[in-house]
Protein backbone atom coordinates (compact mmCIF):
# COMPACT_ATOMS: atom_id res chain seq x y z
CA MET A 1 58.96 99.27 -18.02
CA ILE A 2 59.37 96.97 -21.04
CA HIS A 3 60.44 94.11 -19.29
CA LYS A 4 57.33 94.32 -17.36
CA LEU A 5 55.26 94.86 -20.67
CA MET A 6 56.65 91.44 -21.62
CA VAL A 7 55.62 89.66 -17.99
CA CYS A 8 52.09 91.26 -18.73
CA PHE A 9 52.22 89.67 -22.64
CA LEU A 10 53.35 86.60 -22.11
CA LEU A 11 51.21 86.37 -18.77
CA VAL A 12 47.77 86.78 -20.85
CA SER A 13 49.15 85.17 -23.84
CA GLY A 14 50.03 81.89 -21.98
CA VAL A 15 46.05 82.14 -20.45
CA ALA A 16 44.74 82.68 -23.62
CA MET A 17 46.61 80.05 -24.65
CA SER A 18 46.07 77.43 -22.28
CA GLN A 19 42.11 77.52 -22.90
CA GLN A 20 42.75 76.01 -26.41
CA SER A 21 45.88 74.13 -25.56
CA THR A 22 43.95 70.59 -27.96
CA PRO A 23 41.69 70.86 -30.73
CA LYS A 24 38.74 69.53 -28.59
CA ASP A 25 39.15 72.44 -26.34
CA ALA A 26 39.57 74.62 -29.34
CA PHE A 27 36.59 73.52 -30.68
CA LEU A 28 34.24 73.19 -27.31
CA GLU A 29 35.25 77.07 -26.96
CA LYS A 30 33.54 77.79 -30.42
CA TRP A 31 31.27 75.15 -30.07
CA LYS A 32 29.83 77.74 -27.24
CA ASN A 33 30.01 80.40 -29.20
CA SER A 34 28.14 78.97 -32.34
CA LYS A 35 25.26 77.84 -29.98
CA ASP A 36 24.96 81.80 -28.43
CA TYR A 37 25.11 83.13 -31.93
CA LEU A 38 22.53 80.90 -33.75
CA LEU A 39 20.05 80.98 -30.59
CA LYS A 40 19.96 84.78 -30.94
CA ILE A 41 19.93 84.45 -35.00
CA ALA A 42 16.73 82.04 -34.01
CA GLU A 43 15.72 84.42 -31.40
CA GLN A 44 15.20 87.40 -34.01
CA MET A 45 13.38 86.23 -36.01
CA PRO A 46 9.55 86.78 -35.54
CA GLU A 47 7.43 84.16 -34.29
CA ASP A 48 4.83 84.57 -37.35
CA ARG A 49 7.83 84.27 -39.77
CA TYR A 50 9.57 80.71 -38.81
CA ASN A 51 7.47 79.20 -41.92
CA TYR A 52 9.04 81.45 -44.11
CA LYS A 53 11.13 79.99 -46.38
CA PRO A 54 12.68 81.65 -50.19
CA THR A 55 11.72 79.27 -52.75
CA GLU A 56 9.84 76.40 -52.70
CA ARG A 57 13.22 74.03 -52.97
CA GLU A 58 14.54 75.68 -49.86
CA MET A 59 13.49 74.71 -46.08
CA SER A 60 12.05 76.88 -43.97
CA PHE A 61 13.03 79.07 -41.44
CA LYS A 62 11.97 76.54 -38.59
CA GLU A 63 13.54 73.92 -40.93
CA GLN A 64 16.37 74.70 -41.08
CA LEU A 65 16.80 74.97 -37.49
CA PHE A 66 15.43 72.17 -36.71
CA HIS A 67 17.49 70.27 -39.64
CA ILE A 68 20.55 71.82 -37.58
CA ARG A 69 19.43 69.87 -34.77
CA GLY A 70 18.77 66.71 -36.21
CA ASN A 71 22.70 66.49 -38.05
CA MET A 72 24.17 67.91 -34.72
CA LEU A 73 22.46 64.78 -32.57
CA TRP A 74 23.47 62.36 -35.28
CA LEU A 75 26.78 63.17 -35.90
CA GLY A 76 27.28 63.85 -31.90
CA THR A 77 25.58 60.53 -31.06
CA THR A 78 26.89 58.31 -33.84
CA TYR A 79 30.60 59.33 -33.56
CA PHE A 80 31.24 60.40 -29.54
CA SER A 81 29.01 58.30 -28.03
CA GLU A 82 27.35 54.56 -27.45
CA GLU A 83 24.35 55.69 -27.95
CA LYS A 84 22.42 54.08 -30.77
CA PHE A 85 21.00 57.41 -32.78
CA ASP A 86 17.40 56.61 -34.37
CA ARG A 87 17.26 59.28 -37.15
CA GLU A 88 13.70 58.24 -37.86
CA GLN A 89 12.68 58.96 -34.41
CA SER A 90 15.22 62.35 -34.15
CA ASN A 91 13.42 63.78 -37.54
CA SER A 92 9.71 63.52 -36.53
CA ASN A 93 7.81 65.67 -34.78
CA LEU A 94 8.94 69.57 -36.01
CA PRO A 95 7.93 71.84 -33.25
CA GLU A 96 5.15 74.14 -33.47
CA THR A 97 6.32 77.18 -31.71
CA LYS A 98 9.63 79.35 -31.44
CA THR A 99 10.25 78.45 -27.96
CA GLU A 100 10.48 74.82 -28.62
CA ILE A 101 12.64 74.69 -31.40
CA ILE A 102 14.59 76.92 -29.76
CA GLU A 103 14.91 74.87 -26.69
CA LEU A 104 15.24 71.61 -28.97
CA VAL A 105 18.56 73.32 -30.72
CA SER A 106 19.61 74.57 -27.19
CA ALA A 107 20.17 70.85 -25.71
CA ALA A 108 21.25 69.55 -29.09
CA PHE A 109 24.48 71.92 -28.54
CA ASP A 110 24.57 70.73 -24.94
CA THR A 111 24.43 67.48 -25.88
CA VAL A 112 27.00 67.34 -28.20
CA TYR A 113 29.04 69.70 -25.98
CA THR A 114 28.92 66.71 -23.43
CA GLN A 115 29.60 64.23 -25.67
CA ILE A 116 32.80 66.12 -26.96
CA GLN A 117 33.96 66.76 -23.47
CA ASN A 118 33.79 63.18 -22.40
CA THR A 119 35.76 62.15 -25.52
CA LYS A 120 39.61 61.58 -24.76
CA ASP A 121 41.93 63.70 -26.96
CA ASN A 122 43.50 60.42 -28.54
CA ASP A 123 40.25 59.59 -29.69
CA LEU A 124 40.26 62.23 -31.88
CA SER A 125 42.79 60.42 -33.96
CA LEU A 126 40.88 57.08 -34.83
CA GLU A 127 39.48 56.64 -37.83
CA VAL A 128 35.32 56.16 -38.23
CA ASP A 129 33.07 54.76 -40.96
CA PHE A 130 31.50 57.22 -42.43
CA PHE A 131 28.93 57.64 -45.43
CA ALA A 132 31.85 59.53 -47.55
CA GLY A 133 34.54 57.71 -46.50
CA PRO A 134 37.11 56.80 -43.79
CA LYS A 135 37.48 59.90 -41.62
CA SER A 136 38.61 60.94 -38.41
CA LYS A 137 36.50 61.76 -35.36
CA LEU A 138 38.89 65.43 -35.37
CA GLN A 139 37.54 65.39 -39.20
CA ILE A 140 33.77 64.82 -37.65
CA LEU A 141 33.99 68.04 -35.04
CA ASN A 142 35.38 69.69 -38.29
CA LEU A 143 31.84 68.98 -39.83
CA LEU A 144 29.26 69.28 -36.97
CA GLN A 145 30.89 73.00 -37.00
CA ASP A 146 30.92 73.52 -40.79
CA HIS A 147 27.28 72.41 -41.41
CA VAL A 148 26.04 74.59 -38.51
CA THR A 149 27.70 77.44 -40.59
CA HIS A 150 26.58 76.14 -43.61
CA HIS A 151 22.82 76.44 -42.71
CA ARG A 152 23.16 79.28 -40.03
CA GLY A 153 23.98 81.48 -42.81
CA GLN A 154 21.63 80.98 -44.48
CA LEU A 155 18.89 81.50 -41.89
CA ILE A 156 21.28 85.03 -41.56
CA VAL A 157 20.13 85.26 -45.34
CA TYR A 158 16.35 84.73 -44.48
CA LEU A 159 16.79 86.93 -41.70
CA ASN A 160 17.80 89.57 -43.82
CA LEU A 161 14.99 88.76 -46.80
CA ASN A 162 12.41 89.56 -43.88
CA ASP A 163 14.13 93.18 -42.87
CA VAL A 164 15.17 91.34 -39.58
CA LYS A 165 18.74 92.55 -38.39
CA PRO A 166 20.49 89.65 -37.68
CA PRO A 167 22.67 89.67 -34.46
CA ASP A 168 26.38 91.14 -34.57
CA PHE A 169 28.65 88.09 -35.14
CA VAL A 170 30.22 85.60 -32.51
CA GLY A 171 33.45 84.63 -33.10
CA TRP A 172 36.19 82.69 -31.02
């Protein structure tokens, strides 16, 4: 009986570990969950509250989402593709509707997912020029997720300040 339990445990843990065999695989799994969680948060806020901001110096709920999107596209395009990123073009035309902003955020997540998926595992150790000094592409991956997490936390506070229950946390 114990032998069968051990075999089952090893099989299950082996499958779980194989899903995250590299830092890139771990990032991609987390990135999908991060997308799902952020989109649930975006869906929770009523559209008539999308311009809400707790103080004048803060971005509105909609501006936070648009900022997250812009940062994802900047980092993904600049460091994980051959394309040239046009920050001005990307940051122009703040969408009017909740549906439009959600579609843009979703598409940005998908774009970055594809860019990272197409990156060779060995390339993550390459050093790139970054405004804060030389960084590895792996550090840029961490920054991508950290930036989303930072602003998502702010959006959760915005929901709570509007008496909107945030969705349950989606982790790994």
